[in-house]
N, C-alpha and C. Protein backbone atom coordinates (compact mmCIF):
# COMPACT_ATOMS: atom_id res chain seq x y z
N MET A 1 4.80 -13.84 1.72
CA MET A 1 5.63 -12.68 2.00
C MET A 1 7.08 -13.11 1.86
N ASP A 2 7.78 -12.48 0.96
CA ASP A 2 9.18 -12.80 0.73
C ASP A 2 10.04 -12.11 1.80
N LEU A 3 10.95 -12.85 2.39
CA LEU A 3 11.80 -12.29 3.46
C LEU A 3 13.27 -12.21 3.05
N THR A 4 13.54 -12.26 1.75
CA THR A 4 14.94 -12.20 1.31
C THR A 4 15.47 -10.77 1.23
N TYR A 5 14.61 -9.80 1.01
CA TYR A 5 15.04 -8.40 0.90
C TYR A 5 14.71 -7.63 2.17
N TRP A 6 13.46 -7.74 2.61
CA TRP A 6 13.03 -7.15 3.88
C TRP A 6 12.75 -8.26 4.87
N GLY A 7 13.12 -8.02 6.11
CA GLY A 7 12.74 -8.92 7.19
C GLY A 7 11.39 -8.50 7.76
N VAL A 8 10.89 -9.26 8.70
CA VAL A 8 9.59 -8.99 9.31
C VAL A 8 9.55 -7.57 9.88
N GLU A 9 10.60 -7.16 10.54
CA GLU A 9 10.62 -5.83 11.16
C GLU A 9 10.49 -4.72 10.12
N GLN A 10 11.12 -4.87 8.96
CA GLN A 10 11.00 -3.85 7.92
C GLN A 10 9.58 -3.77 7.37
N TYR A 11 8.94 -4.93 7.19
CA TYR A 11 7.53 -4.91 6.77
C TYR A 11 6.69 -4.19 7.82
N GLN A 12 6.89 -4.53 9.09
CA GLN A 12 6.11 -3.92 10.15
C GLN A 12 6.32 -2.41 10.20
N ASP A 13 7.56 -1.97 10.12
CA ASP A 13 7.85 -0.53 10.13
C ASP A 13 7.17 0.16 8.94
N ASN A 14 7.24 -0.48 7.77
CA ASN A 14 6.63 0.10 6.59
C ASN A 14 5.12 0.20 6.74
N TRP A 15 4.50 -0.82 7.31
CA TRP A 15 3.05 -0.80 7.50
C TRP A 15 2.64 0.31 8.47
N VAL A 16 3.37 0.48 9.54
CA VAL A 16 3.04 1.55 10.49
C VAL A 16 3.14 2.91 9.81
N ARG A 17 4.22 3.14 9.06
CA ARG A 17 4.38 4.41 8.34
C ARG A 17 3.26 4.60 7.33
N ALA A 18 2.92 3.53 6.61
CA ALA A 18 1.87 3.61 5.59
C ALA A 18 0.52 3.93 6.22
N LEU A 19 0.20 3.31 7.33
CA LEU A 19 -1.09 3.56 7.98
C LEU A 19 -1.14 4.96 8.60
N ASN A 20 -0.01 5.43 9.10
CA ASN A 20 0.02 6.78 9.65
C ASN A 20 -0.23 7.84 8.58
N ILE A 21 0.13 7.56 7.34
CA ILE A 21 -0.14 8.50 6.25
C ILE A 21 -1.64 8.75 6.12
N LEU A 22 -2.43 7.73 6.35
CA LEU A 22 -3.88 7.87 6.24
C LEU A 22 -4.45 8.82 7.29
N GLU A 23 -3.75 8.98 8.39
CA GLU A 23 -4.21 9.86 9.47
C GLU A 23 -4.09 11.34 9.11
N ARG A 24 -3.20 11.68 8.22
CA ARG A 24 -2.85 13.08 7.97
C ARG A 24 -3.90 13.88 7.21
N GLU A 25 -4.63 13.21 6.31
CA GLU A 25 -5.56 13.94 5.46
C GLU A 25 -6.86 13.16 5.30
N GLN A 26 -7.93 13.88 5.05
CA GLN A 26 -9.23 13.25 4.80
C GLN A 26 -9.23 12.44 3.50
N ASP A 27 -8.43 12.87 2.53
CA ASP A 27 -8.28 12.15 1.26
C ASP A 27 -6.80 11.85 1.09
N ALA A 28 -6.42 10.63 1.40
CA ALA A 28 -5.01 10.23 1.36
C ALA A 28 -4.87 8.91 0.63
N THR A 29 -3.69 8.70 0.04
CA THR A 29 -3.36 7.45 -0.62
C THR A 29 -2.11 6.89 0.02
N SER A 30 -2.13 5.61 0.30
CA SER A 30 -0.98 4.94 0.87
C SER A 30 -0.98 3.50 0.35
N CYS A 31 -0.11 2.66 0.88
CA CYS A 31 -0.15 1.24 0.53
C CYS A 31 0.66 0.43 1.52
N LEU A 32 0.24 -0.81 1.67
CA LEU A 32 0.97 -1.77 2.49
C LEU A 32 1.71 -2.70 1.54
N VAL A 33 3.00 -2.84 1.72
CA VAL A 33 3.76 -3.78 0.90
C VAL A 33 3.46 -5.18 1.40
N ALA A 34 2.97 -6.03 0.49
CA ALA A 34 2.65 -7.41 0.84
C ALA A 34 3.83 -8.33 0.61
N SER A 35 4.65 -8.00 -0.39
CA SER A 35 5.84 -8.80 -0.68
C SER A 35 6.76 -8.00 -1.58
N ILE A 36 8.04 -7.97 -1.19
CA ILE A 36 9.03 -7.24 -1.97
C ILE A 36 10.32 -8.04 -2.01
N THR A 37 10.93 -8.05 -3.18
CA THR A 37 12.28 -8.59 -3.35
C THR A 37 13.15 -7.42 -3.77
N ASP A 38 14.42 -7.62 -3.86
CA ASP A 38 15.35 -6.53 -4.20
C ASP A 38 14.91 -5.87 -5.51
N PRO A 39 14.51 -4.60 -5.48
CA PRO A 39 14.04 -3.92 -6.69
C PRO A 39 15.07 -3.87 -7.81
N VAL A 40 16.33 -3.97 -7.49
CA VAL A 40 17.37 -3.97 -8.52
C VAL A 40 17.27 -5.23 -9.38
N ASN A 41 16.82 -6.32 -8.77
CA ASN A 41 16.78 -7.60 -9.46
C ASN A 41 15.37 -8.12 -9.74
N SER A 42 14.35 -7.31 -9.53
CA SER A 42 12.98 -7.79 -9.75
C SER A 42 12.20 -6.76 -10.56
N ASN A 43 11.01 -7.15 -10.98
CA ASN A 43 10.20 -6.29 -11.83
C ASN A 43 8.92 -5.79 -11.17
N PHE A 44 8.65 -6.25 -9.94
CA PHE A 44 7.37 -5.89 -9.35
C PHE A 44 7.41 -5.95 -7.83
N VAL A 45 6.43 -5.27 -7.24
CA VAL A 45 6.21 -5.27 -5.80
C VAL A 45 4.72 -5.53 -5.59
N PHE A 46 4.38 -6.53 -4.78
CA PHE A 46 2.98 -6.80 -4.45
C PHE A 46 2.58 -5.87 -3.30
N CYS A 47 1.43 -5.22 -3.45
CA CYS A 47 1.00 -4.30 -2.41
C CYS A 47 -0.52 -4.24 -2.32
N TRP A 48 -0.97 -3.61 -1.24
CA TRP A 48 -2.38 -3.33 -1.03
C TRP A 48 -2.55 -1.82 -0.95
N PRO A 49 -2.90 -1.17 -2.05
CA PRO A 49 -3.15 0.27 -2.00
C PRO A 49 -4.29 0.59 -1.04
N LEU A 50 -4.14 1.71 -0.35
CA LEU A 50 -5.12 2.19 0.62
C LEU A 50 -5.55 3.59 0.19
N TYR A 51 -6.84 3.79 0.09
CA TYR A 51 -7.37 5.08 -0.33
C TYR A 51 -8.35 5.57 0.72
N ARG A 52 -7.98 6.64 1.40
CA ARG A 52 -8.90 7.20 2.40
C ARG A 52 -9.75 8.28 1.76
N SER A 53 -11.06 8.20 2.03
CA SER A 53 -12.00 9.21 1.61
C SER A 53 -12.89 9.50 2.81
N GLY A 54 -12.55 10.56 3.53
CA GLY A 54 -13.27 10.88 4.76
C GLY A 54 -13.01 9.81 5.80
N GLU A 55 -14.06 9.20 6.29
CA GLU A 55 -13.92 8.14 7.29
C GLU A 55 -13.71 6.76 6.67
N ALA A 56 -13.93 6.64 5.37
CA ALA A 56 -13.80 5.34 4.68
C ALA A 56 -12.37 5.13 4.19
N VAL A 57 -11.92 3.89 4.28
CA VAL A 57 -10.63 3.49 3.72
C VAL A 57 -10.90 2.30 2.80
N PHE A 58 -10.56 2.47 1.53
CA PHE A 58 -10.74 1.43 0.53
C PHE A 58 -9.40 0.73 0.31
N VAL A 59 -9.44 -0.60 0.23
CA VAL A 59 -8.24 -1.42 0.10
C VAL A 59 -8.36 -2.24 -1.18
N GLN A 60 -7.31 -2.25 -1.97
CA GLN A 60 -7.27 -3.05 -3.19
C GLN A 60 -6.02 -3.92 -3.18
N ASN A 61 -5.97 -4.86 -4.07
CA ASN A 61 -4.80 -5.71 -4.27
C ASN A 61 -4.15 -5.25 -5.57
N SER A 62 -2.82 -5.04 -5.57
CA SER A 62 -2.19 -4.51 -6.76
C SER A 62 -0.74 -4.95 -6.87
N ILE A 63 -0.18 -4.67 -8.02
CA ILE A 63 1.23 -4.90 -8.28
C ILE A 63 1.80 -3.61 -8.82
N ILE A 64 2.91 -3.17 -8.26
CA ILE A 64 3.64 -2.03 -8.80
C ILE A 64 4.66 -2.62 -9.78
N LEU A 65 4.51 -2.30 -11.05
CA LEU A 65 5.42 -2.79 -12.08
C LEU A 65 6.60 -1.83 -12.19
N LEU A 66 7.74 -2.26 -11.71
CA LEU A 66 8.89 -1.38 -11.58
C LEU A 66 9.42 -0.89 -12.92
N ASP A 67 9.34 -1.72 -13.95
CA ASP A 67 9.87 -1.30 -15.25
C ASP A 67 8.96 -0.30 -15.97
N GLU A 68 7.79 -0.02 -15.40
CA GLU A 68 6.87 0.95 -15.99
C GLU A 68 6.88 2.29 -15.25
N LEU A 69 7.73 2.41 -14.24
CA LEU A 69 7.78 3.65 -13.46
C LEU A 69 8.62 4.70 -14.18
N ALA A 70 8.22 5.95 -14.04
CA ALA A 70 8.95 7.06 -14.65
C ALA A 70 10.21 7.42 -13.88
N GLU A 71 10.29 6.98 -12.62
CA GLU A 71 11.45 7.27 -11.79
C GLU A 71 11.81 6.03 -10.97
N ALA A 72 12.98 6.07 -10.35
CA ALA A 72 13.45 4.91 -9.57
C ALA A 72 12.54 4.67 -8.37
N PHE A 73 12.21 3.42 -8.15
CA PHE A 73 11.37 3.01 -7.03
C PHE A 73 12.10 3.21 -5.71
N ILE A 74 11.39 3.76 -4.71
CA ILE A 74 11.93 3.98 -3.38
C ILE A 74 11.20 3.03 -2.43
N PRO A 75 11.86 1.93 -2.01
CA PRO A 75 11.18 0.94 -1.18
C PRO A 75 10.59 1.49 0.12
N ASP A 76 11.22 2.51 0.70
CA ASP A 76 10.71 3.06 1.95
C ASP A 76 9.51 3.98 1.76
N GLU A 77 9.17 4.30 0.52
CA GLU A 77 8.02 5.16 0.23
C GLU A 77 7.21 4.60 -0.94
N PRO A 78 6.74 3.37 -0.82
CA PRO A 78 6.03 2.75 -1.95
C PRO A 78 4.73 3.46 -2.31
N TRP A 79 4.12 4.15 -1.38
CA TRP A 79 2.87 4.86 -1.62
C TRP A 79 3.03 5.93 -2.69
N CYS A 80 4.25 6.39 -2.91
CA CYS A 80 4.49 7.39 -3.96
C CYS A 80 4.28 6.82 -5.36
N PHE A 81 4.19 5.50 -5.47
CA PHE A 81 4.10 4.84 -6.76
C PHE A 81 2.75 4.15 -6.98
N VAL A 82 1.81 4.43 -6.12
CA VAL A 82 0.46 3.86 -6.23
C VAL A 82 -0.36 4.75 -7.15
N GLU A 83 -1.07 4.11 -8.07
CA GLU A 83 -1.94 4.84 -8.99
C GLU A 83 -3.15 5.40 -8.22
N PRO A 84 -3.74 6.46 -8.74
CA PRO A 84 -4.98 6.96 -8.12
C PRO A 84 -6.05 5.87 -8.12
N ARG A 85 -6.94 5.97 -7.17
CA ARG A 85 -8.01 4.96 -7.04
C ARG A 85 -8.90 4.94 -8.27
N SER A 86 -9.14 3.74 -8.73
CA SER A 86 -10.08 3.49 -9.80
C SER A 86 -10.91 2.28 -9.38
N THR A 87 -12.15 2.24 -9.76
CA THR A 87 -12.99 1.11 -9.41
C THR A 87 -13.24 0.17 -10.58
N VAL A 88 -12.73 0.54 -11.77
CA VAL A 88 -12.80 -0.32 -12.95
C VAL A 88 -11.44 -0.35 -13.62
N ASP A 89 -11.10 -1.49 -14.24
CA ASP A 89 -9.82 -1.60 -14.94
C ASP A 89 -9.95 -1.10 -16.38
N ALA A 90 -8.87 -1.19 -17.14
CA ALA A 90 -8.85 -0.70 -18.52
C ALA A 90 -9.87 -1.39 -19.41
N ASP A 91 -10.27 -2.60 -19.05
CA ASP A 91 -11.26 -3.34 -19.84
C ASP A 91 -12.70 -3.13 -19.35
N GLY A 92 -12.87 -2.26 -18.35
CA GLY A 92 -14.20 -1.98 -17.83
C GLY A 92 -14.69 -2.93 -16.76
N ASN A 93 -13.82 -3.82 -16.30
CA ASN A 93 -14.18 -4.77 -15.24
C ASN A 93 -14.03 -4.11 -13.87
N ASP A 94 -14.93 -4.47 -12.95
CA ASP A 94 -14.83 -3.96 -11.59
C ASP A 94 -13.54 -4.42 -10.94
N ILE A 95 -12.88 -3.52 -10.24
CA ILE A 95 -11.68 -3.85 -9.47
C ILE A 95 -12.14 -4.28 -8.08
N SER A 96 -11.66 -5.43 -7.64
CA SER A 96 -12.03 -5.94 -6.33
C SER A 96 -11.43 -5.04 -5.25
N GLU A 97 -12.25 -4.65 -4.32
CA GLU A 97 -11.77 -3.86 -3.19
C GLU A 97 -12.66 -4.13 -1.99
N TRP A 98 -12.10 -3.88 -0.83
CA TRP A 98 -12.89 -3.97 0.38
C TRP A 98 -12.73 -2.67 1.13
N GLN A 99 -13.57 -2.48 2.13
CA GLN A 99 -13.65 -1.19 2.81
C GLN A 99 -13.56 -1.38 4.31
N THR A 100 -12.88 -0.44 4.95
CA THR A 100 -12.83 -0.36 6.40
C THR A 100 -12.97 1.11 6.75
N THR A 101 -12.69 1.46 7.97
CA THR A 101 -12.80 2.86 8.39
C THR A 101 -11.47 3.34 8.96
N ILE A 102 -11.29 4.63 8.99
CA ILE A 102 -10.08 5.18 9.60
C ILE A 102 -10.08 4.88 11.09
N GLY A 103 -11.26 4.76 11.69
CA GLY A 103 -11.34 4.37 13.10
C GLY A 103 -10.76 2.98 13.34
N GLU A 104 -11.05 2.05 12.45
CA GLU A 104 -10.49 0.69 12.55
C GLU A 104 -8.98 0.71 12.35
N VAL A 105 -8.51 1.54 11.44
CA VAL A 105 -7.06 1.67 11.22
C VAL A 105 -6.40 2.21 12.49
N ARG A 106 -7.01 3.23 13.08
CA ARG A 106 -6.46 3.79 14.33
C ARG A 106 -6.44 2.75 15.44
N GLU A 107 -7.51 1.96 15.54
CA GLU A 107 -7.57 0.92 16.57
C GLU A 107 -6.48 -0.14 16.33
N PHE A 108 -6.27 -0.51 15.09
CA PHE A 108 -5.20 -1.46 14.78
C PHE A 108 -3.84 -0.89 15.21
N LEU A 109 -3.57 0.34 14.85
CA LEU A 109 -2.29 0.96 15.23
C LEU A 109 -2.13 1.03 16.73
N ARG A 110 -3.21 1.30 17.44
CA ARG A 110 -3.17 1.43 18.90
C ARG A 110 -2.90 0.08 19.57
N THR A 111 -3.47 -0.99 19.02
CA THR A 111 -3.39 -2.29 19.71
C THR A 111 -2.39 -3.25 19.10
N ALA A 112 -1.85 -2.94 17.94
CA ALA A 112 -0.93 -3.88 17.26
C ALA A 112 0.35 -4.05 18.07
N GLN A 113 0.85 -5.25 18.03
CA GLN A 113 2.09 -5.56 18.73
C GLN A 113 3.29 -5.40 17.80
N ILE A 114 3.32 -4.29 17.08
CA ILE A 114 4.43 -4.04 16.16
C ILE A 114 5.11 -2.75 16.50
């Protein structure tokens, strides 16, 4: 986790906001920023996209490529730049993902020391 652009508190605030997005709808997309440097001077943001489908939450590992975006990246709203969920890549390979539940997300938010 790079701490040159965001400090620990900014990552924590972003994660809380990102997880709260999942609470709003049965089918929601969000993401946790895993590492970010100044978007003005970098080409990518490492993140974990989150896709809620009912009670299930699917988590993937991804990179947001800033030079491929149609609009300027907004660090405080990275979920706006996450692609829709896909389970296979352009070459037909399975995309690695893991699954949790919205109940587990709620429990984390309730008990987290952030």
